[in-house]
Amino acid sequence: QVQLVESGGGLVQAGGSLRLSCAASGRTFSRDTMGWFRQARGKEREFVAAISWSGGSTYYADSVKGRFTISRDNAKNTVYLQMNSLKPEDTDVYYCAAGLGSRWYPSKLDAYDYWGQGTQVTVSS
Protein backbone atom coordinates (compact mmCIF):
# COMPACT_ATOMS: atom_id res chain seq x y z
CA GLN A 1 0.00 0.00 0.00
CA VAL A 2 1.41 3.36 -1.05
CA GLN A 3 1.54 5.95 1.70
CA LEU A 4 2.80 9.50 2.05
CA VAL A 5 3.11 10.60 5.66
CA GLU A 6 3.76 14.21 6.54
CA SER A 7 5.33 15.35 9.79
CA GLY A 8 6.89 18.44 11.30
CA GLY A 9 3.88 20.70 11.50
CA GLY A 10 3.02 22.65 14.60
CA LEU A 11 2.57 26.06 16.16
CA VAL A 12 5.19 28.73 15.59
CA GLN A 13 5.39 32.48 16.02
CA ALA A 14 5.54 34.78 13.05
CA GLY A 15 9.10 35.01 11.75
CA GLY A 16 9.89 31.51 12.90
CA SER A 17 10.74 28.36 10.98
CA LEU A 18 9.46 24.85 10.53
CA ARG A 19 10.68 21.90 8.52
CA LEU A 20 8.09 19.56 7.09
CA SER A 21 8.96 16.02 6.06
CA CYS A 22 7.08 13.61 3.84
CA ALA A 23 8.08 9.98 4.07
CA ALA A 24 6.90 7.67 1.32
CA SER A 25 6.38 3.95 1.60
CA GLY A 26 4.97 1.20 -0.56
CA ARG A 27 6.92 2.24 -3.65
CA THR A 28 9.92 4.35 -4.50
CA PHE A 29 9.27 7.84 -5.80
CA SER A 30 12.85 8.50 -6.88
CA ARG A 31 11.76 8.98 -10.51
CA ASP A 32 8.70 11.09 -9.75
CA THR A 33 7.82 14.71 -9.16
CA MET A 34 7.06 15.58 -5.55
CA GLY A 35 5.09 18.58 -4.39
CA TRP A 36 3.67 20.42 -1.43
CA PHE A 37 0.25 21.99 -1.36
CA ARG A 38 -1.74 23.69 1.37
CA GLN A 39 -5.38 24.19 2.15
CA ALA A 40 -7.36 26.23 4.62
CA ARG A 41 -10.80 25.12 5.73
CA GLY A 42 -13.36 26.12 3.17
CA LYS A 43 -10.79 27.07 0.58
CA GLU A 44 -9.31 25.34 -2.42
CA ARG A 45 -6.07 23.47 -2.13
CA GLU A 46 -3.24 25.62 -3.46
CA PHE A 47 0.21 24.89 -4.76
CA VAL A 48 3.25 25.68 -2.60
CA ALA A 49 6.35 24.04 -4.09
CA ALA A 50 7.50 21.16 -6.27
CA ILE A 51 10.71 19.36 -7.08
CA SER A 52 11.63 17.18 -10.04
CA TRP A 53 12.73 13.57 -9.61
CA SER A 54 16.42 14.48 -9.72
CA GLY A 55 16.08 17.61 -7.62
CA GLY A 56 17.43 19.59 -10.55
CA SER A 57 14.27 21.62 -10.99
CA THR A 58 12.18 23.34 -8.36
CA TYR A 59 9.16 25.58 -8.61
CA TYR A 60 7.50 27.79 -6.01
CA ALA A 61 4.34 29.74 -5.56
CA ASP A 62 5.03 33.48 -5.58
CA SER A 63 3.72 33.75 -2.04
CA VAL A 64 6.50 31.53 -0.64
CA LYS A 65 9.37 32.25 -3.01
CA GLY A 66 12.50 33.23 -1.11
CA ARG A 67 11.12 31.90 2.19
CA PHE A 68 10.46 28.20 1.53
CA THR A 69 12.84 25.59 0.15
CA ILE A 70 11.86 22.17 -1.14
CA SER A 71 14.38 19.35 -1.22
CA ARG A 72 14.42 15.58 -1.45
CA ASP A 73 16.49 12.60 -0.41
CA ASN A 74 15.74 9.78 -2.83
CA ALA A 75 17.74 7.30 -0.78
CA LYS A 76 15.30 7.90 2.08
CA ASN A 77 12.26 8.26 -0.19
CA THR A 78 11.58 11.54 1.61
CA VAL A 79 10.84 15.10 0.56
CA TYR A 80 11.22 18.16 2.76
CA LEU A 81 9.85 21.68 2.95
CA GLN A 82 11.95 24.15 4.91
CA MET A 83 9.77 27.11 5.83
CA ASN A 84 11.45 30.28 7.07
CA SER A 85 10.13 33.74 7.90
CA LEU A 86 6.70 32.30 8.48
CA LYS A 87 3.68 34.58 8.37
CA PRO A 88 0.20 34.16 9.87
CA GLU A 89 -1.16 33.77 6.34
CA ASP A 90 0.95 30.60 5.99
CA THR A 91 -1.40 28.92 8.47
CA ASP A 92 -2.91 25.92 6.67
CA VAL A 93 -2.90 22.17 6.45
CA TYR A 94 0.08 21.18 4.33
CA TYR A 95 -0.11 18.17 2.02
CA CYS A 96 2.61 16.20 0.33
CA ALA A 97 1.92 14.78 -3.13
CA ALA A 98 3.62 12.54 -5.67
CA GLY A 99 3.20 12.78 -9.42
CA LEU A 100 4.21 9.62 -11.23
CA GLY A 101 6.67 9.79 -14.09
CA SER A 102 8.80 12.59 -15.47
CA ARG A 103 5.97 14.91 -16.50
CA TRP A 104 6.49 18.41 -15.12
CA TYR A 105 3.28 20.26 -14.35
CA PRO A 106 4.34 21.27 -10.86
CA SER A 107 1.43 23.45 -9.82
CA LYS A 108 -1.43 21.37 -11.23
CA LEU A 109 -3.36 19.32 -8.68
CA ASP A 110 -4.39 16.72 -11.22
CA ALA A 111 -0.76 16.05 -12.12
CA TYR A 112 -0.34 14.30 -8.76
CA ASP A 113 -1.37 10.72 -8.15
CA TYR A 114 -0.77 10.20 -4.45
CA TRP A 115 -1.50 12.47 -1.50
CA GLY A 116 -0.68 12.44 2.18
CA GLN A 117 -3.13 13.10 4.98
CA GLY A 118 -1.74 16.52 5.79
CA THR A 119 -0.03 18.24 8.71
CA GLN A 120 -1.28 21.40 10.39
CA VAL A 121 0.92 24.49 10.41
CA THR A 122 -0.22 27.39 12.58
CA VAL A 123 1.63 30.70 12.64
CA SER A 124 0.70 33.08 15.43
CA SER A 125 1.09 36.82 15.14
Foldseek 3Di string as FASTA:
>chain_A
DKAWAKDFADEEAAQAKIKMKIFIDDDQQLQWKKFKWWDAPPDDIWGAKIAGSPRPDIDGDPVQPPFWDKDDDRVRSMIMIIGGRDDQVVWTWMKMFIAPHGDDPRTDPVSTDDIHPTDTHGYHD
